[in-house]
Every structure is written in C-alpha cells, then in structure tokens.
N, C-alpha and C. Protein backbone atom coordinates (compact mmCIF):
# COMPACT_ATOMS: atom_id res chain seq x y z
N UNK A 1 14.55 16.73 -8.52
CA UNK A 1 13.75 15.61 -8.71
C UNK A 1 12.61 15.34 -7.63
N UNK A 2 12.37 15.81 -6.88
CA UNK A 2 11.38 15.45 -5.98
C UNK A 2 9.98 15.89 -6.70
N UNK A 3 9.97 16.94 -7.51
CA UNK A 3 8.81 16.87 -8.88
C UNK A 3 8.35 15.68 -9.68
N UNK A 4 9.72 15.30 -9.93
CA UNK A 4 9.62 14.23 -11.09
C UNK A 4 9.14 12.75 -10.11
N UNK A 5 9.04 12.75 -9.03
CA UNK A 5 8.84 11.50 -8.60
C UNK A 5 7.44 12.17 -8.39
N UNK A 6 7.03 13.34 -7.74
CA UNK A 6 5.56 13.35 -7.25
C UNK A 6 4.87 13.33 -8.69
N UNK A 7 5.24 14.05 -9.65
CA UNK A 7 4.93 13.72 -10.92
C UNK A 7 4.65 12.16 -11.53
N UNK A 8 5.10 11.37 -11.18
CA UNK A 8 5.00 9.89 -11.71
C UNK A 8 4.14 9.22 -10.97
N UNK A 9 3.57 10.04 -9.70
CA UNK A 9 2.59 9.24 -9.28
C UNK A 9 1.43 10.42 -9.41
N UNK A 10 1.05 11.25 -10.34
CA UNK A 10 0.14 12.11 -10.63
C UNK A 10 -0.11 12.87 -9.21
N UNK A 11 0.81 13.24 -8.46
CA UNK A 11 0.81 14.00 -7.26
C UNK A 11 -0.41 13.32 -6.49
N UNK A 12 -0.55 12.41 -6.58
CA UNK A 12 -1.73 11.38 -5.49
C UNK A 12 -0.88 10.30 -4.82
N UNK A 13 -1.31 10.26 -3.00
CA UNK A 13 -0.46 9.74 -2.37
C UNK A 13 -1.34 8.43 -2.42
N UNK A 14 -2.19 8.38 -3.08
CA UNK A 14 -3.47 7.59 -3.15
C UNK A 14 -2.70 6.16 -4.05
N UNK A 15 -1.99 6.85 -5.37
CA UNK A 15 -1.77 6.05 -6.39
C UNK A 15 -0.25 5.54 -5.74
N UNK A 16 0.47 6.40 -4.80
CA UNK A 16 1.88 5.81 -4.65
C UNK A 16 0.98 4.71 -3.79
N UNK A 17 0.64 4.48 -2.90
CA UNK A 17 0.11 3.55 -1.96
C UNK A 17 -0.60 2.28 -2.57
N UNK A 18 -0.92 2.63 -3.85
CA UNK A 18 -1.79 1.28 -4.80
C UNK A 18 -0.39 0.75 -5.34
N UNK A 19 0.79 1.98 -5.97
CA UNK A 19 1.57 1.06 -6.30
C UNK A 19 2.93 0.15 -5.63
N UNK A 20 2.70 0.92 -4.12
CA UNK A 20 3.42 0.12 -3.35
C UNK A 20 2.86 -1.29 -2.91
N UNK A 21 1.88 -1.19 -3.02
CA UNK A 21 0.97 -2.22 -2.63
C UNK A 21 0.93 -3.46 -3.50
N UNK A 22 1.09 -2.85 -4.79
CA UNK A 22 1.07 -4.04 -6.00
C UNK A 22 2.66 -4.24 -6.27
N UNK A 23 3.50 -3.62 -5.70
CA UNK A 23 5.08 -4.02 -5.70
C UNK A 23 5.26 -5.07 -4.36
N UNK A 24 4.57 -4.63 -3.35
CA UNK A 24 4.56 -5.73 -2.37
C UNK A 24 4.10 -6.99 -2.45
N UNK A 25 3.01 -6.91 -3.21
CA UNK A 25 2.54 -8.33 -3.89
C UNK A 25 2.86 -9.32 -4.80
N UNK A 26 3.59 -8.43 -5.70
CA UNK A 26 4.65 -8.91 -6.69
C UNK A 26 6.00 -9.70 -5.52
N UNK A 27 6.24 -8.77 -4.81
CA UNK A 27 7.50 -9.60 -4.32
C UNK A 27 7.23 -10.53 -3.00
N UNK A 28 5.71 -10.07 -2.23
CA UNK A 28 5.46 -11.68 -1.77
C UNK A 28 4.75 -12.65 -2.79
N UNK A 29 4.25 -12.55 -3.41
CA UNK A 29 4.27 -13.38 -4.65
C UNK A 29 5.38 -14.59 -4.77
N UNK A 30 6.70 -14.03 -5.10
CA UNK A 30 8.01 -14.33 -5.75
C UNK A 30 8.31 -15.38 -4.29
N UNK A 31 8.29 -14.51 -3.02
CA UNK A 31 8.98 -15.27 -2.11
C UNK A 31 8.28 -16.52 -1.76
N UNK A 32 6.43 -16.37 -1.78
CA UNK A 32 5.91 -17.68 -1.47
C UNK A 32 6.07 -18.63 -2.84
N UNK A 33 6.38 -18.34 -3.83
CA UNK A 33 6.63 -19.45 -5.06
C UNK A 33 7.60 -20.31 -4.58
N UNK A 34 8.91 -19.17 -4.49
CA UNK A 34 10.11 -19.80 -4.01
C UNK A 34 10.00 -20.83 -2.75
N UNK A 35 9.68 -19.98 -1.37
CA UNK A 35 9.63 -20.92 -0.02
C UNK A 35 8.91 -20.27 0.50
N UNK A 36 7.39 -20.77 0.72
CA UNK A 36 6.68 -20.07 1.78
C UNK A 36 7.30 -19.82 3.37
N UNK A 37 8.26 -20.56 3.34
CA UNK A 37 8.81 -20.21 5.35
C UNK A 37 9.92 -19.08 4.90
N UNK A 38 10.19 -18.55 3.97
CA UNK A 38 11.14 -17.37 4.06
C UNK A 38 10.28 -15.95 4.24
N UNK A 39 9.28 -16.00 3.72
CA UNK A 39 8.19 -14.94 4.51
C UNK A 39 7.73 -15.04 6.05
N UNK A 40 7.60 -16.46 6.18
CA UNK A 40 7.26 -16.42 7.58
C UNK A 40 8.36 -16.12 8.70
N UNK A 41 9.49 -16.09 8.02
CA UNK A 41 10.72 -15.83 9.17
C UNK A 41 10.86 -14.34 9.40
N UNK A 42 10.24 -13.69 8.34
CA UNK A 42 10.15 -12.16 8.65
C UNK A 42 9.11 -11.41 9.26
N UNK A 43 7.82 -12.12 8.74
CA UNK A 43 6.82 -11.60 9.67
C UNK A 43 5.78 -12.46 9.60
N UNK A 44 5.40 -13.27 11.06
CA UNK A 44 4.82 -14.21 11.18
C UNK A 44 3.38 -13.67 10.85
N UNK A 45 2.65 -15.09 10.50
CA UNK A 45 1.30 -14.85 9.91
C UNK A 45 0.44 -14.06 10.72
N UNK A 46 0.63 -14.15 11.69
CA UNK A 46 -0.44 -13.21 12.63
C UNK A 46 0.00 -11.84 12.57
N UNK A 47 0.61 -11.14 12.23
CA UNK A 47 1.06 -9.62 11.88
C UNK A 47 0.87 -9.37 10.49
N UNK A 48 -0.20 -10.38 9.54
CA UNK A 48 -0.67 -10.09 8.38
C UNK A 48 -2.05 -9.36 8.20
N UNK A 49 -2.85 -9.98 9.14
CA UNK A 49 -4.03 -9.12 8.94
C UNK A 49 -3.96 -7.39 9.55
N UNK A 50 -2.72 -7.20 10.31
CA UNK A 50 -2.42 -6.08 11.26
C UNK A 50 -1.74 -5.10 9.92
N UNK A 51 -1.08 -5.88 9.20
CA UNK A 51 -0.72 -5.22 8.00
C UNK A 51 -1.52 -4.61 6.78
N UNK A 52 -2.57 -5.35 6.72
CA UNK A 52 -3.95 -5.33 5.78
C UNK A 52 -4.40 -4.10 6.07
N UNK A 53 -4.60 -4.23 7.52
CA UNK A 53 -5.42 -3.17 8.34
C UNK A 53 -5.10 -1.78 8.18
N UNK A 54 -3.73 -1.92 8.88
CA UNK A 54 -2.83 -0.53 8.84
C UNK A 54 -2.77 0.37 7.02
N UNK A 55 -2.65 -0.50 6.54
CA UNK A 55 -2.82 -0.21 4.84
C UNK A 55 -3.89 0.36 4.52
N UNK A 56 -5.17 -0.47 5.01
CA UNK A 56 -6.38 -0.20 4.18
C UNK A 56 -6.86 1.38 4.93
N UNK A 57 -6.22 1.96 6.25
CA UNK A 57 -6.42 3.13 6.56
C UNK A 57 -5.43 4.23 6.31
N UNK A 58 -4.20 3.86 6.27
CA UNK A 58 -3.15 4.68 5.28
C UNK A 58 -3.95 4.89 3.89
N UNK A 59 -4.40 4.18 3.33
CA UNK A 59 -5.25 4.32 2.03
C UNK A 59 -6.34 5.32 1.97
N UNK A 60 -7.00 5.07 2.97
CA UNK A 60 -8.24 5.83 3.43
C UNK A 60 -8.21 7.13 3.73
N UNK A 61 -7.13 7.42 4.58
CA UNK A 61 -6.15 8.56 4.93
C UNK A 61 -6.02 9.40 3.60
N UNK A 62 -5.29 8.89 2.83
CA UNK A 62 -4.84 9.36 1.85
C UNK A 62 -5.60 9.83 0.51
N UNK A 63 -6.81 8.91 0.50
CA UNK A 63 -7.98 9.24 -0.44
C UNK A 63 -8.77 10.48 0.21
N UNK A 64 -9.22 10.35 1.53
CA UNK A 64 -9.93 11.14 2.03
C UNK A 64 -9.03 12.82 2.16
N UNK A 65 -7.92 12.82 1.88
CA UNK A 65 -6.68 13.96 2.21
C UNK A 65 -6.98 14.58 0.71
N UNK A 66 -6.91 13.85 -0.17
CA UNK A 66 -6.80 14.62 -1.43
C UNK A 66 -8.44 15.01 -2.11
N UNK A 67 -9.59 14.28 -1.31
CA UNK A 67 -10.60 14.66 -1.75
C UNK A 67 -11.60 15.02 -0.46
N UNK A 68 -11.36 16.23 -0.43
CA UNK A 68 -12.17 17.12 0.94
C UNK A 68 -13.63 16.87 0.98
N UNK A 69 -14.25 16.39 -0.19
CA UNK A 69 -15.76 16.50 -0.19
C UNK A 69 -16.17 15.14 -0.09
N UNK A 70 -15.13 14.07 0.44
CA UNK A 70 -15.61 12.90 0.07
C UNK A 70 -16.32 12.72 1.64
N UNK A 71 -17.51 11.99 1.58
CA UNK A 71 -18.05 11.58 2.83
C UNK A 71 -19.10 12.76 3.53
N UNK A 72 -19.12 13.95 2.73
CA UNK A 72 -19.87 15.06 3.10
C UNK A 72 -21.40 15.01 2.12
N UNK A 73 -21.41 14.17 1.23
CA UNK A 73 -22.73 13.92 0.75
C UNK A 73 -22.78 14.86 -0.44
N UNK A 74 -21.42 15.47 -0.79
CA UNK A 74 -21.62 16.62 -1.92
C UNK A 74 -22.18 15.64 -3.60
C-alpha cells in the first residue's frame, strides 16, 4: 500500500507538499467563505505567517533533497 501512495505522488516529497498545500488552501477558503471567525478560533492570525514560513522551509528542503545538484551551479 505504501508503494501505491508513493507512486501517487510520483515518489516526490515536493509533489506531496504541493498537494497538501492545495488541499489546505481549499479547506481554508471553504472556512473563510462560511464564516471567517471559524478559522480564527483555531489558528490566530499571528500564526499564519509562521505557518507559511515553515511550509516554505519544508518545501525547500524536500526539493533540495530530491535534487542534490541544486544550488551547486550545475
């Protein structure tokens, strides 16, 4: 089963993270469309920039992990 999951994401952590971000964006948009205060009850607005920064760092790590020549002028 794990092989099927990995194959669905083309054996790429970057694709996995991108699809998770799309899902989170859709869920966030749905919450905001229904009632903006629903999201604020769980995640205060001061944490949103930290979330974005963290996801950026994790995505960068996953990308560089799969492309070892990245950033070496190749």
